[in-house]
Each structure stands twice: as structure tokens, then as C-alpha cells.
């Protein structure tokens, strides 16, 4: 009896791994589609000024960080992507 339940468990694990591999493959092959924004997608930009530590210069500096904020329907979540950064002069 234990042998058959162990076989069923390993069979379920194998099915899960195969499904996960298929999902990961689909995600990798559709990566270019994510870069293009379809019409009606809720995408906006956020700019933040932050003080960060510059390890090379051993000093703090102000940076302007620009994020692209998008609703990812497949995940049901908002995602933020850092699009640019530059040092604030002034």
C-alpha cells in the first residue's frame, strides 16, 4: 500500500515539474511581448529623488530615479521597473 501511494506522489511531482517547465518556457518565449505595451494597459511613470550611498566615492548623493509602473494582468499585481537614474545637480 505504501509503495503505491509513494508512486502516486512521485507521479504527481513529475507532473508538477513538467507543468512548471512548460510555464517557464512559455514565459521565456513571450518575453518580447511583455516589452511592448498593448493598448489599454495601465502604465504610468513615477519619479523619486533619493539619497543613496556611493560606495566608490564614500559619500552620499542625490539621485533622480524614474520608474515605469505597470499592472501585470497575468500576475494580478503592480510591478515597478527602474527605467533611468541620474545624479541631481544643484
Protein backbone atom coordinates (compact mmCIF):
# COMPACT_ATOMS: atom_id res chain seq x y z
CA UNK A 1 0.00 0.00 0.00
CA UNK A 2 2.77 2.43 0.88
CA UNK A 3 4.55 1.70 -2.40
CA UNK A 4 1.51 2.68 -4.47
CA UNK A 5 0.99 5.96 -2.59
CA UNK A 6 4.69 6.75 -2.97
CA UNK A 7 4.43 6.05 -6.73
CA UNK A 8 1.38 8.29 -6.95
CA UNK A 9 3.23 11.04 -5.06
CA UNK A 10 6.25 10.84 -7.34
CA UNK A 11 3.93 10.81 -10.37
CA UNK A 12 2.23 13.99 -9.11
CA UNK A 13 5.62 15.60 -8.51
CA UNK A 14 6.73 14.73 -12.04
CA UNK A 15 3.50 16.18 -13.50
CA UNK A 16 4.02 19.37 -11.46
CA UNK A 17 7.62 19.70 -12.64
CA UNK A 18 6.59 19.20 -16.26
CA UNK A 19 3.82 21.80 -15.92
CA UNK A 20 6.21 24.23 -14.25
CA UNK A 21 8.72 23.70 -17.07
CA UNK A 22 6.02 24.41 -19.67
CA UNK A 23 5.01 27.61 -17.87
CA UNK A 24 8.60 28.77 -17.60
CA UNK A 25 9.17 28.03 -21.29
CA UNK A 26 6.05 29.96 -22.24
CA UNK A 27 7.19 32.90 -20.14
CA UNK A 28 10.65 32.93 -21.70
CA UNK A 29 9.30 32.74 -25.24
CA UNK A 30 6.77 35.53 -24.62
CA UNK A 31 9.36 37.92 -23.13
CA UNK A 32 9.31 40.18 -26.19
CA UNK A 33 5.53 40.56 -25.90
CA UNK A 34 5.95 41.95 -22.37
CA UNK A 35 8.27 44.69 -23.64
CA UNK A 36 5.62 46.06 -25.99
CA UNK A 37 2.68 47.73 -24.27
CA UNK A 38 -0.74 46.74 -25.62
CA UNK A 39 -3.41 49.41 -25.91
CA UNK A 40 -5.40 50.00 -22.74
CA UNK A 41 -2.68 48.81 -20.39
CA UNK A 42 -2.47 50.94 -17.25
CA UNK A 43 1.13 52.16 -17.34
CA UNK A 44 2.49 55.30 -15.74
CA UNK A 45 5.80 56.78 -14.62
CA UNK A 46 6.94 57.75 -11.14
CA UNK A 47 9.93 59.93 -10.33
CA UNK A 48 11.62 59.84 -6.94
CA UNK A 49 14.54 61.80 -5.53
CA UNK A 50 16.55 59.61 -3.17
CA UNK A 51 19.73 60.00 -1.20
CA UNK A 52 21.95 56.96 -1.77
CA UNK A 53 25.41 55.95 -0.63
CA UNK A 54 28.10 55.93 -3.34
CA UNK A 55 30.47 53.18 -2.22
CA UNK A 56 33.21 54.15 -4.70
CA UNK A 57 33.34 57.82 -3.63
CA UNK A 58 32.46 57.08 0.02
CA UNK A 59 29.85 59.83 0.01
CA UNK A 60 26.09 60.23 -0.18
CA UNK A 61 24.50 61.70 -3.27
CA UNK A 62 21.02 62.54 -4.52
CA UNK A 63 19.68 60.57 -7.48
CA UNK A 64 16.56 61.06 -9.57
CA UNK A 65 15.03 57.61 -10.16
CA UNK A 66 12.38 57.13 -12.84
CA UNK A 67 10.19 54.03 -12.54
CA UNK A 68 7.72 52.59 -15.02
CA UNK A 69 4.73 51.26 -13.08
CA UNK A 70 2.55 48.69 -14.87
CA UNK A 71 -0.36 46.47 -14.00
CA UNK A 72 0.51 42.89 -14.97
CA UNK A 73 -2.83 41.18 -15.51
CA UNK A 74 -1.32 37.67 -15.61
CA UNK A 75 0.12 38.18 -12.11
CA UNK A 76 -2.71 40.33 -10.79
CA UNK A 77 -0.13 42.75 -9.41
CA UNK A 78 1.56 46.08 -9.96
CA UNK A 79 5.22 45.92 -11.00
CA UNK A 80 7.81 48.69 -10.88
CA UNK A 81 10.76 48.78 -13.26
CA UNK A 82 13.65 51.22 -12.83
CA UNK A 83 13.97 52.89 -16.24
CA UNK A 84 16.58 55.58 -15.57
CA UNK A 85 18.65 57.24 -12.91
CA UNK A 86 20.73 60.37 -12.88
CA UNK A 87 22.56 62.44 -10.34
CA UNK A 88 20.69 65.55 -9.16
CA UNK A 89 22.71 68.73 -9.70
CA UNK A 90 22.04 71.72 -7.62
